[in-house]
Amino acid sequence: KLRKKLGPDKIIMGNVNWTKDKATVPYINGVFLELNKKGTKRTYKISELKKIESSLNYYEKNLQPPKLVALAGWRKTKDLTDEDRNTPENRKMAKLLTAMSVVINTNGYILYSDNNQDSKKGDYDHIFYDFYKFDIGKPTSGYTKVKAGVGYKEHKQGFIAYNITNKSQKITRANGQKHQVKAKSGLFCKDAGSKVECLSVD
């Protein structure tokens, strides 16, 4: 009824959390994946990352254009400081989720923030990670699935890859370059002549 009232040129988004919504997906253009988790003193388990990967693929396939997917991950919290938000463990998970959002989705968005229960004063406090500025131009390929839990996407000046498995995985680019993507990490690389310059995993 809402889609009929608004018409085809208006964007409708829904907060679906972890669910793969089947009732409304034929009528909506975007989803907000509020990925709540039990326990604030940990990052996501591999089993949870598999569910996230599956959801990103599901909504990429089934949403109506322009297919907006906003991934909202919750961090590991010790205290409510920027230093804690920027620990190597949190940076690594933020990079992994960012890579998944870029690689799998046409229009992927990312927020890696405090857990809602971390503070009674408000939700989604966060920092703007420096790697959010990583720029290698627009994509030149779609999502290339290497295997379950591993994928990459080519861009004009490099590539981005992710690996949610518990072991390092090898990818081979279209140009023949081979790269190792460490366990539970995102890889951000920029072409520099015949070589590449990659960000650290954390």
Protein backbone atom coordinates (compact mmCIF):
# COMPACT_ATOMS: atom_id res chain seq x y z
CA LYS A 1 0.00 0.00 0.00
CA LEU A 2 2.85 2.38 0.80
CA ARG A 3 4.61 1.71 -2.50
CA LYS A 4 1.37 2.20 -4.37
CA LYS A 5 0.78 5.52 -2.60
CA LEU A 6 4.34 6.84 -3.07
CA GLY A 7 4.81 5.62 -6.63
CA PRO A 8 7.84 3.97 -8.26
CA ASP A 9 10.24 6.93 -8.01
CA LYS A 10 10.45 7.16 -4.19
CA ILE A 11 12.97 5.24 -2.09
CA ILE A 12 11.69 3.02 0.71
CA MET A 13 14.14 1.51 3.20
CA GLY A 14 13.59 -0.81 6.14
CA ASN A 15 15.53 -1.78 9.26
CA VAL A 16 15.70 -5.55 8.88
CA ASN A 17 18.44 -6.36 11.43
CA TRP A 18 19.61 -9.93 10.74
CA THR A 19 16.50 -11.07 8.88
CA LYS A 20 16.09 -11.80 5.18
CA ASP A 21 12.75 -10.10 4.71
CA LYS A 22 10.68 -11.73 1.99
CA ALA A 23 7.37 -9.92 2.46
CA THR A 24 8.51 -6.40 1.58
CA VAL A 25 11.67 -6.91 -0.51
CA PRO A 26 9.76 -6.75 -3.83
CA TYR A 27 8.69 -3.20 -2.93
CA ILE A 28 11.67 -1.62 -1.15
CA ASN A 29 14.92 -0.13 -2.40
CA GLY A 30 17.16 -0.40 0.64
CA VAL A 31 17.84 -1.98 4.00
CA PHE A 32 19.54 -0.99 7.24
CA LEU A 33 21.30 -4.02 8.71
CA GLU A 34 21.45 -3.20 12.43
CA LEU A 35 23.69 -6.11 13.40
CA ASN A 36 23.13 -6.36 17.12
CA LYS A 37 25.06 -9.04 19.00
CA LYS A 38 25.01 -10.66 22.42
CA GLY A 39 27.92 -9.36 24.42
CA THR A 40 29.77 -6.10 23.89
CA LYS A 41 33.28 -7.32 24.69
CA ARG A 42 33.84 -9.17 21.42
CA THR A 43 33.78 -8.73 17.66
CA TYR A 44 31.71 -10.89 15.31
CA LYS A 45 32.22 -14.65 15.18
CA ILE A 46 32.80 -16.42 11.87
CA SER A 47 29.30 -17.90 12.08
CA GLU A 48 27.90 -14.36 12.33
CA LEU A 49 30.10 -13.12 9.49
CA LYS A 50 28.69 -15.91 7.31
CA LYS A 51 25.17 -14.68 8.07
CA ILE A 52 26.22 -11.12 7.21
CA GLU A 53 27.71 -12.28 3.90
CA SER A 54 24.53 -14.18 3.10
CA SER A 55 22.34 -11.16 3.91
CA LEU A 56 24.44 -8.81 1.78
CA ASN A 57 24.12 -11.21 -1.16
CA TYR A 58 20.40 -11.70 -0.60
CA TYR A 59 19.58 -8.00 -0.61
CA GLU A 60 21.90 -7.27 -3.52
CA LYS A 61 19.94 -9.81 -5.54
CA ASN A 62 16.41 -9.00 -4.40
CA LEU A 63 16.12 -5.28 -3.61
CA GLN A 64 14.64 -2.91 -6.13
CA PRO A 65 17.00 -0.34 -7.71
CA PRO A 66 19.07 1.48 -6.63
CA LYS A 67 19.70 -1.35 -4.10
CA LEU A 68 20.94 0.54 -1.02
CA VAL A 69 22.49 -1.63 1.68
CA ALA A 70 23.60 0.06 4.90
CA LEU A 71 25.64 -2.26 7.10
CA ALA A 72 25.75 -1.18 10.76
CA GLY A 73 28.23 -3.26 12.72
CA TRP A 74 28.77 -3.03 16.48
CA ARG A 75 32.29 -2.97 17.87
CA LYS A 76 34.14 -4.58 20.76
CA THR A 77 33.85 -2.22 23.71
CA LYS A 78 36.11 -1.78 26.71
CA ASP A 79 35.33 1.88 27.33
CA LEU A 80 33.76 4.82 25.52
CA THR A 81 36.91 6.46 24.20
CA ASP A 82 38.14 7.08 20.68
CA GLU A 83 41.28 5.14 21.60
CA ASP A 84 39.16 2.08 22.34
CA ARG A 85 37.14 2.55 19.15
CA ASN A 86 40.43 2.62 17.25
CA THR A 87 42.13 -0.49 18.68
CA PRO A 88 43.75 -2.87 16.16
CA GLU A 89 41.01 -5.43 16.80
CA ASN A 90 38.23 -2.93 16.12
CA ARG A 91 40.03 -1.49 13.09
CA LYS A 92 40.46 -4.96 11.64
CA MET A 93 36.76 -5.79 12.03
CA ALA A 94 35.72 -2.39 10.68
CA LYS A 95 37.93 -2.95 7.62
CA LEU A 96 36.51 -6.42 7.09
CA LEU A 97 32.89 -5.22 7.22
CA THR A 98 33.72 -2.25 5.01
CA ALA A 99 35.34 -4.53 2.45
CA MET A 100 32.32 -6.85 2.44
CA SER A 101 30.00 -3.89 1.92
CA VAL A 102 32.07 -2.58 -1.00
CA VAL A 103 32.71 -5.92 -2.69
CA ILE A 104 29.28 -7.56 -2.48
CA ASN A 105 26.96 -4.60 -2.92
CA THR A 106 26.40 -2.15 -5.77
CA ASN A 107 25.62 0.63 -3.31
CA GLY A 108 27.04 -0.42 0.05
CA TYR A 109 27.28 1.86 3.07
CA ILE A 110 29.08 1.26 6.37
CA LEU A 111 28.88 2.29 10.00
CA TYR A 112 30.98 0.60 12.68
CA SER A 113 29.91 1.97 16.03
CA ASP A 114 29.43 1.47 19.73
CA ASN A 115 26.91 -1.14 20.81
CA ASN A 116 23.51 0.37 21.61
CA GLN A 117 23.76 -0.82 25.21
CA ASP A 118 27.16 0.83 25.74
CA SER A 119 25.61 4.11 26.82
CA LYS A 120 22.22 5.37 27.99
CA LYS A 121 22.98 8.81 26.53
CA GLY A 122 22.55 7.74 22.90
CA ASP A 123 23.28 5.20 20.21
CA TYR A 124 25.84 4.81 17.44
CA ASP A 125 28.72 6.89 18.75
CA HIS A 126 31.68 6.19 16.45
CA ILE A 127 34.80 7.54 14.81
CA PHE A 128 35.47 8.23 11.13
CA TYR A 129 38.20 5.72 10.30
CA ASP A 130 41.05 6.95 8.13
CA PHE A 131 40.63 4.06 5.67
CA TYR A 132 37.11 5.28 4.83
CA LYS A 133 38.97 7.80 2.64
CA PHE A 134 40.72 5.05 0.65
CA ASP A 135 40.09 5.95 -2.99
CA ILE A 136 40.86 3.72 -5.94
CA GLY A 137 38.16 5.01 -8.25
CA LYS A 138 34.92 3.41 -9.34
CA PRO A 139 34.49 -0.35 -9.70
CA THR A 140 35.45 -1.92 -13.00
CA SER A 141 34.04 -5.35 -12.18
CA GLY A 142 31.22 -6.88 -10.24
CA TYR A 143 31.57 -9.06 -7.15
CA THR A 144 34.03 -11.86 -7.87
CA LYS A 145 33.36 -14.78 -5.55
CA VAL A 146 36.51 -16.84 -5.00
CA LYS A 147 34.84 -19.30 -2.63
CA ALA A 148 32.40 -19.20 0.27
CA GLY A 149 33.60 -16.42 2.55
CA VAL A 150 36.11 -14.92 0.10
CA GLY A 151 35.60 -12.35 -2.64
CA TYR A 152 37.00 -9.24 -4.31
CA LYS A 153 36.10 -6.40 -6.65
CA GLU A 154 38.31 -4.63 -9.17
CA HIS A 155 38.44 -0.82 -9.30
CA LYS A 156 40.05 1.65 -11.70
CA GLN A 157 43.18 1.95 -9.56
CA GLY A 158 43.25 -1.22 -7.48
CA PHE A 159 41.03 -3.74 -5.73
CA ILE A 160 39.32 -4.55 -2.44
CA ALA A 161 38.96 -8.08 -1.07
CA TYR A 162 37.58 -9.80 2.01
CA ASN A 163 38.06 -13.12 3.77
CA ILE A 164 35.77 -14.23 6.61
CA THR A 165 37.34 -17.67 7.03
CA ASN A 166 39.79 -18.63 9.80
CA LYS A 167 42.69 -19.18 7.34
CA SER A 168 44.56 -16.99 4.87
CA GLN A 169 43.17 -17.29 1.35
CA LYS A 170 44.72 -16.68 -2.07
CA ILE A 171 43.05 -14.62 -4.77
CA THR A 172 44.15 -14.23 -8.39
CA ARG A 173 43.19 -10.98 -10.10
CA ALA A 174 42.18 -10.73 -13.75
CA ASN A 175 45.66 -9.34 -14.50
CA GLY A 176 47.26 -12.48 -13.04
CA GLN A 177 48.46 -10.94 -9.77
CA LYS A 178 48.16 -13.24 -6.78
CA HIS A 179 47.50 -11.93 -3.29
CA GLN A 180 47.02 -13.39 0.17
CA VAL A 181 44.02 -12.18 2.18
CA LYS A 182 44.58 -12.89 5.86
CA ALA A 183 41.98 -14.65 8.00
CA LYS A 184 38.99 -12.55 9.05
CA SER A 185 40.25 -9.43 7.29
CA GLY A 186 39.65 -6.94 4.53
CA LEU A 187 42.35 -6.07 2.01
CA PHE A 188 42.54 -2.62 0.40
CA CYS A 189 45.14 -2.30 -2.39
CA LYS A 190 46.09 0.46 -4.82
CA ASP A 191 47.90 -0.18 -8.09
CA ALA A 192 51.36 1.42 -8.28
CA GLY A 193 52.75 0.54 -11.68
CA SER A 194 53.36 -3.20 -11.85
CA LYS A 195 53.09 -3.44 -8.05
CA VAL A 196 50.39 -2.73 -5.51
CA GLU A 197 50.38 -0.83 -2.24
CA CYS A 198 48.09 -2.33 0.37
CA LEU A 199 46.83 -1.04 3.69
CA SER A 200 47.56 -3.07 6.80
CA VAL A 201 44.75 -5.34 7.95
CA ASP A 202 44.24 -3.25 11.12
